[in-house]
Amino acid sequence: MKKEVREKTIGYILAALGLVAGLAWNEAIKGSIDSIFPNSGNGLFVKFFYAVVVTLIVVIISMYLGSLIREKDSN
């Protein structure tokens, strides 16, 4: 029981740190978009494009990790 609680706690801490890193990268990328496309009409389009690309990457990684978990459970 203690081991399971410790593993879950570590998982939650790592997820929180990942969120902080993701938010930092988000700000950096938004700043880059704003400096590359200053006050242009394309700024909103570029931000939506960025959001779609990031979402696709997250979905692909999630599917891959899910398949690893299923593979481990089947063995």
C-alpha atoms as a PDB file:
ATOM      1  CA  MET A   1       0.000   0.000   0.000  1.00  0.00           C
ATOM      2  CA  LYS A   2       2.795   2.447   0.915  1.00  0.00           C
ATOM      3  CA  LYS A   3       4.604   1.731  -2.332  1.00  0.00           C
ATOM      4  CA  GLU A   4       1.473   2.429  -4.371  1.00  0.00           C
ATOM      5  CA  VAL A   5       0.864   5.746  -2.563  1.00  0.00           C
ATOM      6  CA  ARG A   6       4.497   6.744  -3.103  1.00  0.00           C
ATOM      7  CA  GLU A   7       4.316   5.879  -6.815  1.00  0.00           C
ATOM      8  CA  LYS A   8       1.067   7.840  -7.259  1.00  0.00           C
ATOM      9  CA  THR A   9       2.485  10.838  -5.382  1.00  0.00           C
ATOM     10  CA  ILE A  10       5.623  10.848  -7.519  1.00  0.00           C
ATOM     11  CA  GLY A  11       3.446  10.592 -10.628  1.00  0.00           C
ATOM     12  CA  TYR A  12       1.377  13.603  -9.552  1.00  0.00           C
ATOM     13  CA  ILE A  13       4.491  15.638  -8.770  1.00  0.00           C
ATOM     14  CA  LEU A  14       5.987  14.800 -12.164  1.00  0.00           C
ATOM     15  CA  ALA A  15       2.719  15.741 -13.874  1.00  0.00           C
ATOM     16  CA  ALA A  16       2.715  19.095 -12.069  1.00  0.00           C
ATOM     17  CA  LEU A  17       6.311  19.770 -13.082  1.00  0.00           C
ATOM     18  CA  GLY A  18       5.439  18.827 -16.658  1.00  0.00           C
ATOM     19  CA  LEU A  19       2.580  21.322 -16.578  1.00  0.00           C
ATOM     20  CA  VAL A  20       4.907  24.084 -15.356  1.00  0.00           C
ATOM     21  CA  ALA A  21       7.411  23.285 -18.108  1.00  0.00           C
ATOM     22  CA  GLY A  22       4.615  23.197 -20.688  1.00  0.00           C
ATOM     23  CA  LEU A  23       3.331  26.598 -19.586  1.00  0.00           C
ATOM     24  CA  ALA A  24       6.846  28.033 -19.821  1.00  0.00           C
ATOM     25  CA  TRP A  25       7.241  26.687 -23.353  1.00  0.00           C
ATOM     26  CA  ASN A  26       3.795  28.001 -24.243  1.00  0.00           C
ATOM     27  CA  GLU A  27       4.809  31.522 -23.217  1.00  0.00           C
ATOM     28  CA  ALA A  28       8.088  31.236 -25.131  1.00  0.00           C
ATOM     29  CA  ILE A  29       6.339  30.082 -28.298  1.00  0.00           C
ATOM     30  CA  LYS A  30       3.640  32.754 -27.984  1.00  0.00           C
ATOM     31  CA  GLY A  31       6.377  35.369 -27.628  1.00  0.00           C
ATOM     32  CA  SER A  32       8.115  33.999 -30.712  1.00  0.00           C
ATOM     33  CA  ILE A  33       4.884  34.128 -32.714  1.00  0.00           C
ATOM     34  CA  ASP A  34       4.277  37.707 -31.592  1.00  0.00           C
ATOM     35  CA  SER A  35       7.803  38.755 -32.589  1.00  0.00           C
ATOM     36  CA  ILE A  36       7.698  36.992 -35.967  1.00  0.00           C
ATOM     37  CA  PHE A  37       4.178  38.199 -36.821  1.00  0.00           C
ATOM     38  CA  PRO A  38       3.873  41.555 -35.013  1.00  0.00           C
ATOM     39  CA  ASN A  39       0.426  43.131 -35.239  1.00  0.00           C
ATOM     40  CA  SER A  40      -0.427  41.192 -38.377  1.00  0.00           C
ATOM     41  CA  GLY A  41      -3.807  39.750 -39.201  1.00  0.00           C
ATOM     42  CA  ASN A  42      -2.227  36.283 -39.310  1.00  0.00           C
ATOM     43  CA  GLY A  43      -1.332  36.218 -35.607  1.00  0.00           C
ATOM     44  CA  LEU A  44      -4.575  34.558 -34.562  1.00  0.00           C
ATOM     45  CA  PHE A  45      -4.360  32.006 -37.389  1.00  0.00           C
ATOM     46  CA  VAL A  46      -0.781  31.146 -36.433  1.00  0.00           C
ATOM     47  CA  LYS A  47      -1.787  30.649 -32.785  1.00  0.00           C
ATOM     48  CA  PHE A  48      -4.630  28.324 -33.786  1.00  0.00           C
ATOM     49  CA  PHE A  49      -2.269  26.432 -36.091  1.00  0.00           C
ATOM     50  CA  TYR A  50       0.192  26.106 -33.203  1.00  0.00           C
ATOM     51  CA  ALA A  51      -2.598  24.812 -30.939  1.00  0.00           C
ATOM     52  CA  VAL A  52      -3.640  22.193 -33.520  1.00  0.00           C
ATOM     53  CA  VAL A  53      -0.053  21.018 -34.034  1.00  0.00           C
ATOM     54  CA  VAL A  54       0.565  20.728 -30.290  1.00  0.00           C
ATOM     55  CA  THR A  55      -2.727  18.855 -29.853  1.00  0.00           C
ATOM     56  CA  LEU A  56      -1.797  16.380 -32.589  1.00  0.00           C
ATOM     57  CA  ILE A  57       1.608  15.783 -31.009  1.00  0.00           C
ATOM     58  CA  VAL A  58       0.030  15.200 -27.587  1.00  0.00           C
ATOM     59  CA  VAL A  59      -2.528  12.774 -29.056  1.00  0.00           C
ATOM     60  CA  ILE A  60       0.179  10.791 -30.858  1.00  0.00           C
ATOM     61  CA  ILE A  61       2.336  10.587 -27.725  1.00  0.00           C
ATOM     62  CA  SER A  62      -0.689   9.613 -25.614  1.00  0.00           C
ATOM     63  CA  MET A  63      -1.628   6.836 -28.031  1.00  0.00           C
ATOM     64  CA  TYR A  64       1.957   5.553 -28.024  1.00  0.00           C
ATOM     65  CA  LEU A  65       2.163   5.550 -24.228  1.00  0.00           C
ATOM     66  CA  GLY A  66      -1.243   3.862 -24.013  1.00  0.00           C
ATOM     67  CA  SER A  67      -0.057   1.107 -26.336  1.00  0.00           C
ATOM     68  CA  LEU A  68       3.040   0.609 -24.168  1.00  0.00           C
ATOM     69  CA  ILE A  69       0.849   0.221 -21.084  1.00  0.00           C
ATOM     70  CA  ARG A  70      -1.474  -2.236 -22.834  1.00  0.00           C
ATOM     71  CA  GLU A  71       1.532  -4.190 -24.107  1.00  0.00           C
ATOM     72  CA  LYS A  72       2.990  -4.358 -20.595  1.00  0.00           C
ATOM     73  CA  ASP A  73      -0.361  -5.472 -19.131  1.00  0.00           C
ATOM     74  CA  SER A  74      -0.743  -8.253 -21.706  1.00  0.00           C
ATOM     75  CA  ASN A  75       2.679  -9.736 -20.848  1.00  0.00           C
END
